[in-house]
PDB file of N, CA and C in Angstrom:
ATOM      1  N   UNK A   1      -2.849  13.926 -37.181  1.00  0.00           N
ATOM      2  CA  UNK A   1      -3.961  12.996 -37.037  1.00  0.00           C
ATOM      3  C   UNK A   1      -3.489  11.643 -36.519  1.00  0.00           C
ATOM      4  N   UNK A   2      -2.318  11.180 -36.935  1.00  0.00           N
ATOM      5  CA  UNK A   2      -1.848   9.872 -36.490  1.00  0.00           C
ATOM      6  C   UNK A   2      -1.606   9.836 -34.985  1.00  0.00           C
ATOM      7  N   UNK A   3      -1.289  11.003 -34.395  1.00  0.00           N
ATOM      8  CA  UNK A   3      -1.113  11.055 -32.949  1.00  0.00           C
ATOM      9  C   UNK A   3      -2.381  10.646 -32.211  1.00  0.00           C
ATOM     10  N   UNK A   4      -3.520  11.040 -32.740  1.00  0.00           N
ATOM     11  CA  UNK A   4      -4.796  10.675 -32.113  1.00  0.00           C
ATOM     12  C   UNK A   4      -5.097   9.189 -32.271  1.00  0.00           C
ATOM     13  N   UNK A   5      -4.704   8.619 -33.399  1.00  0.00           N
ATOM     14  CA  UNK A   5      -4.892   7.177 -33.600  1.00  0.00           C
ATOM     15  C   UNK A   5      -4.035   6.401 -32.601  1.00  0.00           C
ATOM     16  N   UNK A   6      -2.774   6.822 -32.449  1.00  0.00           N
ATOM     17  CA  UNK A   6      -1.906   6.193 -31.455  1.00  0.00           C
ATOM     18  C   UNK A   6      -2.482   6.355 -30.050  1.00  0.00           C
ATOM     19  N   UNK A   7      -3.028   7.543 -29.760  1.00  0.00           N
ATOM     20  CA  UNK A   7      -3.603   7.798 -28.436  1.00  0.00           C
ATOM     21  C   UNK A   7      -4.778   6.867 -28.169  1.00  0.00           C
ATOM     22  N   UNK A   8      -5.662   6.714 -29.131  1.00  0.00           N
ATOM     23  CA  UNK A   8      -6.807   5.818 -28.945  1.00  0.00           C
ATOM     24  C   UNK A   8      -6.339   4.386 -28.704  1.00  0.00           C
ATOM     25  N   UNK A   9      -5.346   3.956 -29.450  1.00  0.00           N
ATOM     26  CA  UNK A   9      -4.794   2.618 -29.243  1.00  0.00           C
ATOM     27  C   UNK A   9      -4.173   2.468 -27.867  1.00  0.00           C
ATOM     28  N   UNK A  10      -3.468   3.516 -27.415  1.00  0.00           N
ATOM     29  CA  UNK A  10      -2.846   3.480 -26.088  1.00  0.00           C
ATOM     30  C   UNK A  10      -3.900   3.347 -24.999  1.00  0.00           C
ATOM     31  N   UNK A  11      -4.987   4.071 -25.141  1.00  0.00           N
ATOM     32  CA  UNK A  11      -6.069   4.012 -24.145  1.00  0.00           C
ATOM     33  C   UNK A  11      -6.698   2.615 -24.130  1.00  0.00           C
ATOM     34  N   UNK A  12      -6.993   2.094 -25.296  1.00  0.00           N
ATOM     35  CA  UNK A  12      -7.615   0.758 -25.381  1.00  0.00           C
ATOM     36  C   UNK A  12      -6.704  -0.298 -24.756  1.00  0.00           C
ATOM     37  N   UNK A  13      -5.410  -0.240 -25.072  1.00  0.00           N
ATOM     38  CA  UNK A  13      -4.471  -1.227 -24.523  1.00  0.00           C
ATOM     39  C   UNK A  13      -4.314  -1.095 -23.012  1.00  0.00           C
ATOM     40  N   UNK A  14      -4.279   0.148 -22.522  1.00  0.00           N
ATOM     41  CA  UNK A  14      -4.139   0.363 -21.078  1.00  0.00           C
ATOM     42  C   UNK A  14      -5.373  -0.140 -20.328  1.00  0.00           C
ATOM     43  N   UNK A  15      -6.544   0.141 -20.856  1.00  0.00           N
ATOM     44  CA  UNK A  15      -7.785  -0.319 -20.219  1.00  0.00           C
ATOM     45  C   UNK A  15      -7.858  -1.847 -20.263  1.00  0.00           C
ATOM     46  N   UNK A  16      -7.486  -2.432 -21.389  1.00  0.00           N
ATOM     47  CA  UNK A  16      -7.494  -3.896 -21.491  1.00  0.00           C
ATOM     48  C   UNK A  16      -6.517  -4.511 -20.492  1.00  0.00           C
ATOM     49  N   UNK A  17      -5.343  -3.909 -20.356  1.00  0.00           N
ATOM     50  CA  UNK A  17      -4.370  -4.402 -19.390  1.00  0.00           C
ATOM     51  C   UNK A  17      -4.868  -4.297 -17.956  1.00  0.00           C
ATOM     52  N   UNK A  18      -5.494  -3.176 -17.647  1.00  0.00           N
ATOM     53  CA  UNK A  18      -5.994  -2.963 -16.284  1.00  0.00           C
ATOM     54  C   UNK A  18      -7.154  -3.907 -15.964  1.00  0.00           C
ATOM     55  N   UNK A  19      -8.081  -4.070 -16.897  1.00  0.00           N
ATOM     56  CA  UNK A  19      -9.190  -5.004 -16.672  1.00  0.00           C
ATOM     57  C   UNK A  19      -8.676  -6.436 -16.564  1.00  0.00           C
ATOM     58  N   UNK A  20      -7.651  -6.760 -17.324  1.00  0.00           N
ATOM     59  CA  UNK A  20      -7.057  -8.093 -17.242  1.00  0.00           C
ATOM     60  C   UNK A  20      -6.364  -8.308 -15.908  1.00  0.00           C
ATOM     61  N   UNK A  21      -5.828  -7.234 -15.341  1.00  0.00           N
ATOM     62  CA  UNK A  21      -5.214  -7.331 -14.017  1.00  0.00           C
ATOM     63  C   UNK A  21      -6.256  -7.746 -12.985  1.00  0.00           C
ATOM     64  N   UNK A  22      -7.448  -7.200 -13.117  1.00  0.00           N
ATOM     65  CA  UNK A  22      -8.542  -7.587 -12.214  1.00  0.00           C
ATOM     66  C   UNK A  22      -8.935  -9.039 -12.452  1.00  0.00           C
ATOM     67  N   UNK A  23      -8.967  -9.450 -13.710  1.00  0.00           N
ATOM     68  CA  UNK A  23      -9.320 -10.842 -14.044  1.00  0.00           C
ATOM     69  C   UNK A  23      -8.241 -11.812 -13.572  1.00  0.00           C
ATOM     70  N   UNK A  24      -6.998 -11.349 -13.491  1.00  0.00           N
ATOM     71  CA  UNK A  24      -5.886 -12.211 -13.074  1.00  0.00           C
ATOM     72  C   UNK A  24      -5.986 -12.614 -11.611  1.00  0.00           C
ATOM     73  N   UNK A  25      -6.821 -11.938 -10.857  1.00  0.00           N
ATOM     74  CA  UNK A  25      -7.040 -12.328  -9.464  1.00  0.00           C
ATOM     75  C   UNK A  25      -7.599 -13.751  -9.409  1.00  0.00           C
ATOM     76  N   UNK A  26      -8.428 -14.080 -10.375  1.00  0.00           N
ATOM     77  CA  UNK A  26      -9.059 -15.394 -10.413  1.00  0.00           C
ATOM     78  C   UNK A  26      -8.304 -16.419 -11.257  1.00  0.00           C
ATOM     79  N   UNK A  27      -7.556 -15.955 -12.246  1.00  0.00           N
ATOM     80  CA  UNK A  27      -6.836 -16.872 -13.129  1.00  0.00           C
ATOM     81  C   UNK A  27      -5.524 -16.233 -13.568  1.00  0.00           C
ATOM     82  N   UNK A  28      -4.413 -16.846 -13.203  1.00  0.00           N
ATOM     83  CA  UNK A  28      -3.091 -16.286 -13.497  1.00  0.00           C
ATOM     84  C   UNK A  28      -2.794 -16.168 -14.989  1.00  0.00           C
ATOM     85  N   UNK A  29      -3.527 -16.859 -15.816  1.00  0.00           N
ATOM     86  CA  UNK A  29      -3.310 -16.787 -17.265  1.00  0.00           C
ATOM     87  C   UNK A  29      -3.503 -15.372 -17.800  1.00  0.00           C
ATOM     88  N   UNK A  30      -4.275 -14.560 -17.108  1.00  0.00           N
ATOM     89  CA  UNK A  30      -4.541 -13.190 -17.538  1.00  0.00           C
ATOM     90  C   UNK A  30      -3.310 -12.292 -17.435  1.00  0.00           C
ATOM     91  N   UNK A  31      -2.285 -12.715 -16.686  1.00  0.00           N
ATOM     92  CA  UNK A  31      -1.092 -11.882 -16.568  1.00  0.00           C
ATOM     93  C   UNK A  31      -0.393 -11.674 -17.897  1.00  0.00           C
ATOM     94  N   UNK A  32      -0.520 -12.607 -18.819  1.00  0.00           N
ATOM     95  CA  UNK A  32       0.055 -12.420 -20.159  1.00  0.00           C
ATOM     96  C   UNK A  32      -0.631 -11.250 -20.868  1.00  0.00           C
ATOM     97  N   UNK A  33      -1.948 -11.158 -20.738  1.00  0.00           N
ATOM     98  CA  UNK A  33      -2.694 -10.053 -21.348  1.00  0.00           C
ATOM     99  C   UNK A  33      -2.339  -8.740 -20.663  1.00  0.00           C
ATOM    100  N   UNK A  34      -2.158  -8.774 -19.341  1.00  0.00           N
ATOM    101  CA  UNK A  34      -1.743  -7.571 -18.598  1.00  0.00           C
ATOM    102  C   UNK A  34      -0.428  -7.052 -19.152  1.00  0.00           C
ATOM    103  N   UNK A  35       0.539  -7.925 -19.295  1.00  0.00           N
ATOM    104  CA  UNK A  35       1.865  -7.542 -19.770  1.00  0.00           C
ATOM    105  C   UNK A  35       1.809  -6.976 -21.183  1.00  0.00           C
ATOM    106  N   UNK A  36       1.137  -7.675 -22.061  1.00  0.00           N
ATOM    107  CA  UNK A  36       1.011  -7.222 -23.452  1.00  0.00           C
ATOM    108  C   UNK A  36       0.260  -5.888 -23.517  1.00  0.00           C
ATOM    109  N   UNK A  37      -0.795  -5.765 -22.729  1.00  0.00           N
ATOM    110  CA  UNK A  37      -1.581  -4.527 -22.722  1.00  0.00           C
ATOM    111  C   UNK A  37      -0.767  -3.328 -22.283  1.00  0.00           C
ATOM    112  N   UNK A  38      -0.028  -3.467 -21.190  1.00  0.00           N
ATOM    113  CA  UNK A  38       0.746  -2.332 -20.690  1.00  0.00           C
ATOM    114  C   UNK A  38       1.933  -1.989 -21.590  1.00  0.00           C
ATOM    115  N   UNK A  39       2.622  -2.990 -22.104  1.00  0.00           N
ATOM    116  CA  UNK A  39       3.735  -2.713 -23.025  1.00  0.00           C
ATOM    117  C   UNK A  39       3.215  -2.017 -24.280  1.00  0.00           C
ATOM    118  N   UNK A  40       2.111  -2.501 -24.800  1.00  0.00           N
ATOM    119  CA  UNK A  40       1.514  -1.877 -25.989  1.00  0.00           C
ATOM    120  C   UNK A  40       1.059  -0.454 -25.699  1.00  0.00           C
ATOM    121  N   UNK A  41       0.457  -0.241 -24.528  1.00  0.00           N
ATOM    122  CA  UNK A  41      -0.035   1.090 -24.173  1.00  0.00           C
ATOM    123  C   UNK A  41       1.112   2.094 -24.095  1.00  0.00           C
ATOM    124  N   UNK A  42       2.201   1.731 -23.436  1.00  0.00           N
ATOM    125  CA  UNK A  42       3.330   2.655 -23.319  1.00  0.00           C
ATOM    126  C   UNK A  42       4.005   2.876 -24.670  1.00  0.00           C
ATOM    127  N   UNK A  43       4.062   1.850 -25.494  1.00  0.00           N
ATOM    128  CA  UNK A  43       4.637   2.009 -26.832  1.00  0.00           C
ATOM    129  C   UNK A  43       3.799   2.978 -27.664  1.00  0.00           C
ATOM    130  N   UNK A  44       2.496   2.795 -27.642  1.00  0.00           N
ATOM    131  CA  UNK A  44       1.614   3.684 -28.396  1.00  0.00           C
ATOM    132  C   UNK A  44       1.609   5.098 -27.822  1.00  0.00           C
ATOM    133  N   UNK A  45       1.733   5.226 -26.509  1.00  0.00           N
ATOM    134  CA  UNK A  45       1.820   6.556 -25.913  1.00  0.00           C
ATOM    135  C   UNK A  45       3.097   7.261 -26.371  1.00  0.00           C
ATOM    136  N   UNK A  46       4.198   6.535 -26.452  1.00  0.00           N
ATOM    137  CA  UNK A  46       5.443   7.152 -26.929  1.00  0.00           C
ATOM    138  C   UNK A  46       5.325   7.546 -28.398  1.00  0.00           C
ATOM    139  N   UNK A  47       4.608   6.766 -29.193  1.00  0.00           N
ATOM    140  CA  UNK A  47       4.376   7.135 -30.593  1.00  0.00           C
ATOM    141  C   UNK A  47       3.484   8.371 -30.690  1.00  0.00           C
ATOM    142  N   UNK A  48       2.557   8.511 -29.757  1.00  0.00           N
ATOM    143  CA  UNK A  48       1.723   9.709 -29.691  1.00  0.00           C
ATOM    144  C   UNK A  48       2.591  10.942 -29.467  1.00  0.00           C
ATOM    145  N   UNK A  49       3.528  10.826 -28.541  1.00  0.00           N
ATOM    146  CA  UNK A  49       4.434  11.940 -28.266  1.00  0.00           C
ATOM    147  C   UNK A  49       5.332  12.223 -29.468  1.00  0.00           C
ATOM    148  N   UNK A  50       5.804  11.168 -30.125  1.00  0.00           N
ATOM    149  CA  UNK A  50       6.657  11.337 -31.303  1.00  0.00           C
ATOM    150  C   UNK A  50       5.898  12.010 -32.445  1.00  0.00           C
ATOM    151  N   UNK A  51       4.583  11.839 -32.472  1.00  0.00           N
ATOM    152  CA  UNK A  51       3.758  12.469 -33.508  1.00  0.00           C
ATOM    153  C   UNK A  51       3.526  13.951 -33.223  1.00  0.00           C
ATOM    154  N   UNK A  52       3.992  14.425 -32.061  1.00  0.00           N
ATOM    155  CA  UNK A  52       3.922  15.855 -31.779  1.00  0.00           C
ATOM    156  C   UNK A  52       2.936  16.299 -30.722  1.00  0.00           C
ATOM    157  N   UNK A  53       2.212  15.386 -30.108  1.00  0.00           N
ATOM    158  CA  UNK A  53       1.277  15.799 -29.059  1.00  0.00           C
ATOM    159  C   UNK A  53       2.071  16.150 -27.806  1.00  0.00           C
ATOM    160  N   UNK A  54       1.772  17.288 -27.176  1.00  0.00           N
ATOM    161  CA  UNK A  54       2.486  17.662 -25.950  1.00  0.00           C
ATOM    162  C   UNK A  54       2.274  16.628 -24.831  1.00  0.00           C
ATOM    163  N   UNK A  55       3.292  16.438 -24.021  1.00  0.00           N
ATOM    164  CA  UNK A  55       3.251  15.431 -22.957  1.00  0.00           C
ATOM    165  C   UNK A  55       2.099  15.656 -21.986  1.00  0.00           C
ATOM    166  N   UNK A  56       1.895  16.883 -21.540  1.00  0.00           N
ATOM    167  CA  UNK A  56       0.817  17.164 -20.579  1.00  0.00           C
ATOM    168  C   UNK A  56      -0.553  16.818 -21.132  1.00  0.00           C
ATOM    169  N   UNK A  57      -0.764  17.122 -22.388  1.00  0.00           N
ATOM    170  CA  UNK A  57      -2.040  16.815 -23.034  1.00  0.00           C
ATOM    171  C   UNK A  57      -2.186  15.306 -23.221  1.00  0.00           C
ATOM    172  N   UNK A  58      -1.146  14.674 -23.749  1.00  0.00           N
ATOM    173  CA  UNK A  58      -1.204  13.233 -24.011  1.00  0.00           C
ATOM    174  C   UNK A  58      -1.427  12.444 -22.731  1.00  0.00           C
ATOM    175  N   UNK A  59      -0.659  12.766 -21.709  1.00  0.00           N
ATOM    176  CA  UNK A  59      -0.789  12.015 -20.456  1.00  0.00           C
ATOM    177  C   UNK A  59      -2.146  12.276 -19.811  1.00  0.00           C
ATOM    178  N   UNK A  60      -2.612  13.505 -19.884  1.00  0.00           N
ATOM    179  CA  UNK A  60      -3.924  13.819 -19.314  1.00  0.00           C
ATOM    180  C   UNK A  60      -5.045  13.070 -19.995  1.00  0.00           C
ATOM    181  N   UNK A  61      -5.031  13.051 -21.307  1.00  0.00           N
ATOM    182  CA  UNK A  61      -6.066  12.331 -22.056  1.00  0.00           C
ATOM    183  C   UNK A  61      -5.979  10.838 -21.777  1.00  0.00           C
ATOM    184  N   UNK A  62      -4.763  10.311 -21.798  1.00  0.00           N
ATOM    185  CA  UNK A  62      -4.547   8.879 -21.585  1.00  0.00           C
ATOM    186  C   UNK A  62      -5.072   8.446 -20.213  1.00  0.00           C
ATOM    187  N   UNK A  63      -4.713   9.196 -19.180  1.00  0.00           N
ATOM    188  CA  UNK A  63      -5.139   8.804 -17.838  1.00  0.00           C
ATOM    189  C   UNK A  63      -6.629   9.041 -17.614  1.00  0.00           C
ATOM    190  N   UNK A  64      -7.146  10.178 -18.091  1.00  0.00           N
ATOM    191  CA  UNK A  64      -8.573  10.465 -17.884  1.00  0.00           C
ATOM    192  C   UNK A  64      -9.448   9.448 -18.600  1.00  0.00           C
ATOM    193  N   UNK A  65      -9.120   9.164 -19.844  1.00  0.00           N
ATOM    194  CA  UNK A  65      -9.906   8.176 -20.589  1.00  0.00           C
ATOM    195  C   UNK A  65      -9.766   6.797 -19.949  1.00  0.00           C
ATOM    196  N   UNK A  66      -8.558   6.486 -19.482  1.00  0.00           N
ATOM    197  CA  UNK A  66      -8.340   5.200 -18.823  1.00  0.00           C
ATOM    198  C   UNK A  66      -9.153   5.052 -17.555  1.00  0.00           C
ATOM    199  N   UNK A  67      -9.174   6.105 -16.740  1.00  0.00           N
ATOM    200  CA  UNK A  67      -9.952   6.070 -15.493  1.00  0.00           C
ATOM    201  C   UNK A  67     -11.437   5.902 -15.803  1.00  0.00           C
ATOM    202  N   UNK A  68     -11.938   6.698 -16.731  1.00  0.00           N
ATOM    203  CA  UNK A  68     -13.369   6.650 -17.043  1.00  0.00           C
ATOM    204  C   UNK A  68     -13.774   5.294 -17.614  1.00  0.00           C
ATOM    205  N   UNK A  69     -13.038   4.830 -18.604  1.00  0.00           N
ATOM    206  CA  UNK A  69     -13.406   3.555 -19.231  1.00  0.00           C
ATOM    207  C   UNK A  69     -13.215   2.366 -18.298  1.00  0.00           C
ATOM    208  N   UNK A  70     -12.165   2.400 -17.483  1.00  0.00           N
ATOM    209  CA  UNK A  70     -11.952   1.306 -16.530  1.00  0.00           C
ATOM    210  C   UNK A  70     -13.077   1.254 -15.506  1.00  0.00           C
ATOM    211  N   UNK A  71     -13.503   2.408 -15.021  1.00  0.00           N
ATOM    212  CA  UNK A  71     -14.606   2.438 -14.055  1.00  0.00           C
ATOM    213  C   UNK A  71     -15.893   1.893 -14.673  1.00  0.00           C
ATOM    214  N   UNK A  72     -16.172   2.302 -15.899  1.00  0.00           N
ATOM    215  CA  UNK A  72     -17.400   1.846 -16.565  1.00  0.00           C
ATOM    216  C   UNK A  72     -17.348   0.345 -16.838  1.00  0.00           C
ATOM    217  N   UNK A  73     -16.234  -0.113 -17.420  1.00  0.00           N
ATOM    218  CA  UNK A  73     -16.141  -1.539 -17.757  1.00  0.00           C
ATOM    219  C   UNK A  73     -16.006  -2.431 -16.524  1.00  0.00           C
ATOM    220  N   UNK A  74     -15.390  -1.928 -15.452  1.00  0.00           N
ATOM    221  CA  UNK A  74     -15.323  -2.750 -14.242  1.00  0.00           C
ATOM    222  C   UNK A  74     -16.708  -2.897 -13.624  1.00  0.00           C
ATOM    223  N   UNK A  75     -17.547  -1.896 -13.815  1.00  0.00           N
ATOM    224  CA  UNK A  75     -18.948  -2.005 -13.377  1.00  0.00           C
ATOM    225  C   UNK A  75     -19.667  -3.074 -14.191  1.00  0.00           C
ATOM    226  N   UNK A  76     -19.484  -3.035 -15.503  1.00  0.00           N
ATOM    227  CA  UNK A  76     -20.172  -3.974 -16.386  1.00  0.00           C
ATOM    228  C   UNK A  76     -19.646  -5.398 -16.265  1.00  0.00           C
ATOM    229  N   UNK A  77     -18.330  -5.556 -16.181  1.00  0.00           N
ATOM    230  CA  UNK A  77     -17.728  -6.890 -16.196  1.00  0.00           C
ATOM    231  C   UNK A  77     -17.610  -7.530 -14.817  1.00  0.00           C
ATOM    232  N   UNK A  78     -17.312  -6.714 -13.798  1.00  0.00           N
ATOM    233  CA  UNK A  78     -17.024  -7.260 -12.470  1.00  0.00           C
ATOM    234  C   UNK A  78     -18.034  -6.822 -11.414  1.00  0.00           C
ATOM    235  N   UNK A  79     -19.059  -6.086 -11.831  1.00  0.00           N
ATOM    236  CA  UNK A  79     -20.121  -5.629 -10.930  1.00  0.00           C
ATOM    237  C   UNK A  79     -19.575  -4.797  -9.770  1.00  0.00           C
ATOM    238  N   UNK A  80     -18.531  -4.015 -10.050  1.00  0.00           N
ATOM    239  CA  UNK A  80     -17.967  -3.124  -9.042  1.00  0.00           C
ATOM    240  C   UNK A  80     -18.800  -1.847  -8.977  1.00  0.00           C
ATOM    241  N   UNK A  81     -18.724  -1.108  -7.867  1.00  0.00           N
ATOM    242  CA  UNK A  81     -19.573   0.088  -7.730  1.00  0.00           C
ATOM    243  C   UNK A  81     -19.176   1.204  -8.700  1.00  0.00           C
ATOM    244  N   UNK A  82     -20.172   1.956  -9.127  1.00  0.00           N
ATOM    245  CA  UNK A  82     -19.982   3.177  -9.902  1.00  0.00           C
ATOM    246  C   UNK A  82     -21.051   4.145  -9.420  1.00  0.00           C
ATOM    247  N   UNK A  83     -20.689   4.900  -8.381  1.00  0.00           N
ATOM    248  CA  UNK A  83     -21.647   5.780  -7.722  1.00  0.00           C
ATOM    249  C   UNK A  83     -21.734   7.135  -8.418  1.00  0.00           C
ATOM    250  N   UNK A  84     -22.712   7.915  -8.021  1.00  0.00           N
ATOM    251  CA  UNK A  84     -22.856   9.272  -8.560  1.00  0.00           C
ATOM    252  C   UNK A  84     -21.625  10.111  -8.253  1.00  0.00           C
ATOM    253  N   UNK A  85     -21.056   9.950  -7.070  1.00  0.00           N
ATOM    254  CA  UNK A  85     -19.875  10.715  -6.710  1.00  0.00           C
ATOM    255  C   UNK A  85     -18.685  10.315  -7.593  1.00  0.00           C
ATOM    256  N   UNK A  86     -18.569   9.035  -7.893  1.00  0.00           N
ATOM    257  CA  UNK A  86     -17.498   8.569  -8.777  1.00  0.00           C
ATOM    258  C   UNK A  86     -17.679   9.145 -10.183  1.00  0.00           C
ATOM    259  N   UNK A  87     -18.913   9.164 -10.659  1.00  0.00           N
ATOM    260  CA  UNK A  87     -19.205   9.733 -11.977  1.00  0.00           C
ATOM    261  C   UNK A  87     -18.873  11.223 -11.987  1.00  0.00           C
ATOM    262  N   UNK A  88     -19.210  11.926 -10.915  1.00  0.00           N
ATOM    263  CA  UNK A  88     -18.870  13.344 -10.818  1.00  0.00           C
ATOM    264  C   UNK A  88     -17.355  13.545 -10.844  1.00  0.00           C
ATOM    265  N   UNK A  89     -16.621  12.677 -10.189  1.00  0.00           N
ATOM    266  CA  UNK A  89     -15.164  12.757 -10.208  1.00  0.00           C
ATOM    267  C   UNK A  89     -14.602  12.542 -11.598  1.00  0.00           C
ATOM    268  N   UNK A  90     -15.165  11.598 -12.330  1.00  0.00           N
ATOM    269  CA  UNK A  90     -14.737  11.346 -13.705  1.00  0.00           C
ATOM    270  C   UNK A  90     -14.998  12.576 -14.572  1.00  0.00           C
ATOM    271  N   UNK A  91     -16.159  13.184 -14.403  1.00  0.00           N
ATOM    272  CA  UNK A  91     -16.483  14.393 -15.163  1.00  0.00           C
ATOM    273  C   UNK A  91     -15.494  15.508 -14.826  1.00  0.00           C
ATOM    274  N   UNK A  92     -15.155  15.672 -13.556  1.00  0.00           N
ATOM    275  CA  UNK A  92     -14.192  16.702 -13.170  1.00  0.00           C
ATOM    276  C   UNK A  92     -12.805  16.441 -13.772  1.00  0.00           C
ATOM    277  N   UNK A  93     -12.404  15.183 -13.824  1.00  0.00           N
ATOM    278  CA  UNK A  93     -11.128  14.842 -14.449  1.00  0.00           C
ATOM    279  C   UNK A  93     -11.162  15.228 -15.926  1.00  0.00           C
ATOM    280  N   UNK A  94     -12.253  14.912 -16.602  1.00  0.00           N
ATOM    281  CA  UNK A  94     -12.366  15.243 -18.022  1.00  0.00           C
ATOM    282  C   UNK A  94     -12.329  16.757 -18.250  1.00  0.00           C
ATOM    283  N   UNK A  95     -13.000  17.502 -17.396  1.00  0.00           N
ATOM    284  CA  UNK A  95     -12.975  18.962 -17.509  1.00  0.00           C
ATOM    285  C   UNK A  95     -11.548  19.475 -17.305  1.00  0.00           C
ATOM    286  N   UNK A  96     -10.844  18.918 -16.345  1.00  0.00           N
ATOM    287  CA  UNK A  96      -9.464  19.322 -16.107  1.00  0.00           C
ATOM    288  C   UNK A  96      -8.571  19.046 -17.299  1.00  0.00           C
ATOM    289  N   UNK A  97      -8.722  17.898 -17.908  1.00  0.00           N
ATOM    290  CA  UNK A  97      -7.923  17.558 -19.093  1.00  0.00           C
ATOM    291  C   UNK A  97      -8.270  18.490 -20.245  1.00  0.00           C
ATOM    292  N   UNK A  98      -9.543  18.797 -20.410  1.00  0.00           N
ATOM    293  CA  UNK A  98      -9.950  19.730 -21.456  1.00  0.00           C
ATOM    294  C   UNK A  98      -9.303  21.099 -21.237  1.00  0.00           C
ATOM    295  N   UNK A  99      -9.274  21.569 -20.004  1.00  0.00           N
ATOM    296  CA  UNK A  99      -8.650  22.854 -19.707  1.00  0.00           C
ATOM    297  C   UNK A  99      -7.152  22.837 -19.995  1.00  0.00           C
ATOM    298  N   UNK A 100      -6.491  21.721 -19.682  1.00  0.00           N
ATOM    299  CA  UNK A 100      -5.060  21.609 -19.995  1.00  0.00           C
ATOM    300  C   UNK A 100      -4.856  21.649 -21.499  1.00  0.00           C
ATOM    301  N   UNK A 101      -5.707  20.934 -22.244  1.00  0.00           N
ATOM    302  CA  UNK A 101      -5.563  20.924 -23.697  1.00  0.00           C
ATOM    303  C   UNK A 101      -5.838  22.297 -24.286  1.00  0.00           C
ATOM    304  N   UNK A 102      -6.868  22.961 -23.817  1.00  0.00           N
ATOM    305  CA  UNK A 102      -7.176  24.297 -24.317  1.00  0.00           C
ATOM    306  C   UNK A 102      -6.072  25.301 -23.960  1.00  0.00           C
ATOM    307  N   UNK A 103      -5.417  25.054 -22.850  1.00  0.00           N
ATOM    308  CA  UNK A 103      -4.348  25.942 -22.412  1.00  0.00           C
ATOM    309  C   UNK A 103      -3.099  25.863 -23.270  1.00  0.00           C
ATOM    310  N   UNK A 104      -2.968  24.834 -24.097  1.00  0.00           N
ATOM    311  CA  UNK A 104      -1.778  24.713 -24.951  1.00  0.00           C
ATOM    312  C   UNK A 104      -1.892  25.541 -26.220  1.00  0.00           C
ATOM    313  N   UNK A 105      -3.101  25.964 -26.570  1.00  0.00           N
ATOM    314  CA  UNK A 105      -3.306  26.729 -27.799  1.00  0.00           C
ATOM    315  C   UNK A 105      -3.125  28.215 -27.563  1.00  0.00           C
ATOM    316  N   UNK A 106      -3.177  28.996 -28.639  1.00  0.00           N
ATOM    317  CA  UNK A 106      -3.039  30.451 -28.504  1.00  0.00           C
ATOM    318  C   UNK A 106      -4.261  31.043 -27.823  1.00  0.00           C
ATOM    319  N   UNK A 107      -4.056  32.126 -27.103  1.00  0.00           N
ATOM    320  CA  UNK A 107      -5.166  32.787 -26.400  1.00  0.00           C
ATOM    321  C   UNK A 107      -5.893  33.747 -27.293  1.00  0.00           C
TER     322      UNK A 107
END
């Protein structure tokens, strides 16, 4: 169970770092948040792996959740586009990650 807690923290930190990177375009002060976010995300991802989650599953969940949440929050915070095709791509990524996760269990 702790692996999932670490994973959620890793996703939140990665998304915060990425959104801060976009904010840093306007104000360099955001680079501190970018640095802290990415260091925290990788640290929590390594703790996820140490808790026993397979690398393929962990990385897939981390990246898929990061892509989806970053796209949604960049739409809300920075008024960037989020088209139907982009949403379909996010759904396909999630389906792919689900298939990878299901593939790690017994048949």
